[in-house]
Protein backbone atom coordinates (compact mmCIF):
# COMPACT_ATOMS: atom_id res chain seq x y z
CA MET A 1 -8.03 14.32 19.96
CA SER A 2 -4.98 14.57 17.72
CA THR A 3 -4.71 13.12 14.23
CA GLY A 4 -1.45 12.45 12.43
CA LEU A 5 -0.92 12.71 8.67
CA VAL A 6 1.69 10.80 6.69
CA TRP A 7 2.43 12.54 3.41
CA ASP A 8 5.51 12.70 1.21
CA GLU A 9 5.73 14.25 -2.25
CA ARG A 10 7.77 11.27 -3.41
CA TYR A 11 4.64 9.13 -3.25
CA MET A 12 3.45 11.10 -6.26
CA TRP A 13 6.54 10.01 -8.20
CA HIS A 14 5.48 6.36 -8.25
CA ASP A 15 5.12 5.39 -11.93
CA SER A 16 2.04 3.20 -12.30
CA GLY A 17 2.05 3.61 -16.08
CA ASN A 18 0.57 6.35 -18.23
CA ARG A 19 -2.09 4.31 -19.99
CA PHE A 20 -4.73 1.81 -18.97
CA GLY A 21 -6.71 -0.65 -21.03
CA PRO A 22 -6.19 -3.55 -23.43
CA PRO A 23 -3.55 -3.03 -26.14
CA SER A 24 -5.58 -2.44 -29.26
CA PRO A 25 -5.41 -0.13 -32.28
CA TRP A 26 -9.18 0.41 -31.91
CA VAL A 27 -9.47 1.21 -28.19
CA GLU A 28 -8.22 4.53 -26.91
CA PRO A 29 -6.29 3.98 -23.66
CA SER A 30 -7.66 5.72 -20.60
CA PRO A 31 -5.68 7.41 -17.83
CA HIS A 32 -4.38 4.98 -15.24
CA PRO A 33 -6.77 4.73 -12.26
CA GLU A 34 -3.86 4.55 -9.78
CA SER A 35 -2.34 7.89 -10.68
CA PRO A 36 -0.91 10.79 -8.65
CA THR A 37 -3.97 12.88 -9.53
CA SER A 38 -6.40 11.16 -7.17
CA LYS A 39 -4.04 11.33 -4.17
CA ARG A 40 -3.10 14.95 -4.85
CA ARG A 41 -6.79 15.82 -4.95
CA ILE A 42 -7.17 14.38 -1.44
CA LYS A 43 -4.15 16.29 -0.14
CA ASN A 44 -5.35 19.50 -1.83
CA LEU A 45 -8.79 19.09 -0.23
CA ILE A 46 -7.21 18.64 3.20
CA ASP A 47 -5.23 21.85 2.62
CA ALA A 48 -8.15 23.82 1.20
CA SER A 49 -10.48 22.77 4.02
CA GLY A 50 -8.14 24.25 6.61
CA LEU A 51 -7.50 20.87 8.28
CA THR A 52 -3.77 20.70 7.58
CA PRO A 53 -2.64 23.04 10.40
CA ARG A 54 -4.70 20.98 12.84
CA LEU A 55 -2.95 17.73 11.91
CA THR A 56 0.33 16.41 13.27
CA PRO A 57 2.81 15.74 10.45
CA ILE A 58 4.35 12.26 10.55
CA GLY A 59 7.51 11.83 8.51
CA ALA A 60 7.86 8.87 6.20
CA ARG A 61 10.85 6.58 5.83
CA GLN A 62 11.64 3.53 3.76
CA ALA A 63 10.74 0.23 5.35
CA THR A 64 13.77 -1.99 5.77
CA ASP A 65 14.17 -5.30 3.98
CA ASP A 66 13.58 -7.15 7.25
CA GLU A 67 10.35 -5.22 7.89
CA ILE A 68 9.09 -5.97 4.39
CA MET A 69 10.05 -9.64 4.70
CA ARG A 70 7.73 -10.05 7.66
CA VAL A 71 5.11 -10.30 4.91
CA HIS A 72 6.93 -10.94 1.63
CA THR A 73 9.36 -13.63 0.55
CA PRO A 74 13.05 -12.79 -0.02
CA GLU A 75 12.66 -13.92 -3.63
CA TYR A 76 9.83 -11.48 -4.24
CA LEU A 77 11.78 -8.66 -2.63
CA ALA A 78 14.78 -9.41 -4.87
CA ARG A 79 12.57 -9.50 -7.98
CA ILE A 80 11.07 -6.08 -7.25
CA ARG A 81 14.52 -4.61 -6.62
CA THR A 82 15.88 -6.09 -9.88
CA ILE A 83 13.00 -4.77 -11.99
CA SER A 84 13.36 -1.36 -10.36
CA ASP A 85 17.13 -1.29 -10.91
CA GLN A 86 16.62 -2.21 -14.56
CA GLY A 87 14.44 0.85 -15.15
CA GLY A 88 11.04 -0.46 -14.10
CA GLY A 89 8.33 -2.54 -15.70
CA ASN A 90 5.55 -4.97 -14.90
CA ILE A 91 5.97 -6.86 -11.62
CA ALA A 92 2.76 -8.90 -11.77
CA ALA A 93 2.36 -12.47 -12.98
CA ARG A 94 -1.37 -11.86 -13.41
CA ALA A 95 -2.52 -8.68 -15.21
CA THR A 96 -0.27 -5.60 -14.94
CA THR A 97 1.26 -3.75 -12.03
CA ASN A 98 3.90 -1.28 -13.14
CA ILE A 99 6.78 0.34 -11.29
CA GLY A 100 9.32 2.87 -12.52
CA PRO A 101 13.09 3.15 -12.09
CA GLU A 102 12.67 4.23 -8.45
CA GLY A 103 9.84 1.79 -7.89
CA PHE A 104 11.42 -0.24 -5.11
CA ASP A 105 12.40 2.82 -3.07
CA ILE A 106 9.00 4.48 -3.37
CA ALA A 107 7.14 1.26 -2.53
CA ALA A 108 9.39 0.84 0.52
CA LEU A 109 8.61 4.47 1.44
CA SER A 110 4.90 3.69 1.24
CA ALA A 111 5.26 0.69 3.55
CA GLY A 112 7.47 2.76 5.85
CA GLY A 113 4.85 5.50 5.99
CA ALA A 114 2.30 2.99 7.24
CA ILE A 115 4.79 1.79 9.87
CA GLU A 116 5.45 5.35 11.06
CA ALA A 117 1.71 6.00 11.36
CA VAL A 118 1.31 2.93 13.58
CA ASP A 119 4.39 3.91 15.59
CA ALA A 120 2.99 7.37 16.31
CA VAL A 121 -0.35 6.01 17.51
CA VAL A 122 1.02 3.18 19.64
CA LYS A 123 3.58 5.48 21.28
CA GLY A 124 0.85 8.00 22.14
CA GLU A 125 2.15 10.82 19.96
CA VAL A 126 -1.26 11.03 18.22
CA ASP A 127 -4.65 9.45 18.86
CA ASN A 128 -5.07 8.27 15.29
CA ALA A 129 -3.34 8.70 11.96
CA TYR A 130 -4.09 8.84 8.25
CA ALA A 131 -1.40 7.56 5.89
CA LEU A 132 -1.95 9.16 2.48
CA ILE A 133 0.49 6.89 0.65
CA ARG A 134 1.04 5.21 -2.69
CA PRO A 135 1.53 2.70 -4.20
CA PRO A 136 -1.33 0.92 -2.43
CA GLY A 137 -0.90 -2.49 -0.89
CA HIS A 138 -3.87 -4.71 -0.08
CA HIS A 139 -3.62 -6.89 -3.21
CA ALA A 140 0.10 -7.64 -2.83
CA GLU A 141 0.52 -11.26 -1.75
CA PRO A 142 3.66 -12.61 -0.08
CA ASP A 143 5.18 -13.67 -3.40
CA GLU A 144 3.25 -11.67 -5.99
CA GLY A 145 2.29 -8.07 -6.67
CA MET A 146 -1.01 -7.35 -8.37
CA GLY A 147 -3.82 -4.83 -8.59
CA PHE A 148 -1.32 -1.92 -8.70
CA CYS A 149 -0.02 -2.99 -5.26
CA VAL A 150 3.67 -3.67 -4.64
CA PHE A 151 4.10 -4.30 -0.89
CA GLY A 152 1.37 -5.12 1.64
CA ASN A 153 1.53 -1.82 3.52
CA ALA A 154 -1.19 -2.52 6.10
CA ALA A 155 0.05 -6.06 6.72
CA ILE A 156 3.63 -4.85 7.16
CA ALA A 157 2.47 -2.16 9.60
CA ALA A 158 0.35 -4.66 11.56
CA LEU A 159 3.28 -7.04 12.00
CA HIS A 160 5.47 -4.12 13.05
CA ALA A 161 2.93 -3.34 15.76
CA ILE A 162 3.07 -6.93 17.01
CA GLU A 163 6.69 -7.90 16.56
CA ALA A 164 8.44 -4.56 17.19
CA LEU A 165 6.00 -2.72 19.48
CA GLY A 166 4.66 -5.64 21.50
CA LEU A 167 0.94 -5.52 20.69
CA GLU A 168 -0.79 -8.86 21.16
CA ARG A 169 -3.69 -8.47 18.73
CA VAL A 170 -4.47 -6.26 15.75
CA ALA A 171 -7.61 -5.89 13.62
CA ILE A 172 -7.50 -4.77 9.99
CA VAL A 173 -10.77 -3.56 8.45
CA ASP A 174 -10.38 -3.25 4.68
CA TRP A 175 -13.28 -1.33 3.12
CA ASP A 176 -12.94 -1.25 -0.66
CA ALA A 177 -14.74 -2.38 -3.79
CA HIS A 178 -12.05 -5.06 -4.20
CA HIS A 179 -11.17 -8.00 -1.98
CA GLY A 180 -8.09 -7.41 0.20
CA ASN A 181 -6.60 -10.72 -0.89
CA GLY A 182 -3.00 -9.85 -0.09
CA THR A 183 -3.75 -8.85 3.50
CA GLN A 184 -5.87 -11.96 3.90
CA ALA A 185 -3.04 -14.16 2.60
CA ALA A 186 -0.57 -12.63 5.06
CA PHE A 187 -2.69 -13.59 8.08
CA TRP A 188 -4.63 -16.64 6.94
CA ARG A 189 -2.91 -18.78 9.60
CA ASP A 190 -2.01 -16.02 12.06
CA ALA A 191 -4.49 -15.72 14.94
CA ARG A 192 -2.86 -12.50 16.15
CA VAL A 193 -4.47 -10.47 13.35
CA LEU A 194 -8.19 -10.36 12.60
CA THR A 195 -8.61 -9.45 8.93
CA ILE A 196 -11.96 -8.22 7.65
CA SER A 197 -12.53 -7.35 3.99
CA LEU A 198 -15.74 -5.57 2.97
CA HIS A 199 -15.92 -5.70 -0.81
CA GLN A 200 -18.09 -6.30 -3.84
CA ASP A 201 -18.41 -9.99 -4.61
CA GLY A 202 -16.44 -11.28 -7.59
CA VAL A 203 -14.83 -8.03 -8.80
CA PHE A 204 -11.06 -8.29 -8.19
CA PRO A 205 -9.22 -10.53 -8.00
CA PRO A 206 -11.80 -12.60 -9.89
CA ASP A 207 -10.77 -15.84 -8.19
CA SER A 208 -10.91 -14.70 -4.57
CA GLY A 209 -13.14 -13.08 -1.97
CA ARG A 210 -16.37 -14.93 -2.63
CA MET A 211 -19.11 -14.53 -0.05
């Protein structure tokens, strides 16, 4: 059995913000939970364990606008590009999801990495694949980023499998403490994709994912 690995150093350049917590003169900000550190630790462990030479490298590319718009609205895409071109900032209407000056390109690279992983599996180049990508994606709804997620990477990859590669049905199993609300929203009325979210009740987003 062969396993592919999507990894690109540029994923570590995504700027999620260097502080986390409520703005207050009395609360010391903590490091941002969606930081390069956690993903580099995973990659370092893969290297240190000796697994890396046994994996098949899968190159990443930026998802095209048309690929992203299978999930997201043109208006949302334009808003992310504008904020990125203006040097970055918060893209979320609810809470905070930050991108930097290259935020659009890196988020498109993350979505494109998920697409390339699916491509490699469907075309038989590998039996399975692990996309070690950031920014993450399962909270990003068609017209809103949130929860540190910019584009719905898994949803974009699933629709690529169906609309570009000809698969008839796809299942997405989202196992996380938080509800995969963005992926759910993408396929709420699409019978081609079975979406399962295993998460802790009432954590995030606070208004979705009830039992």
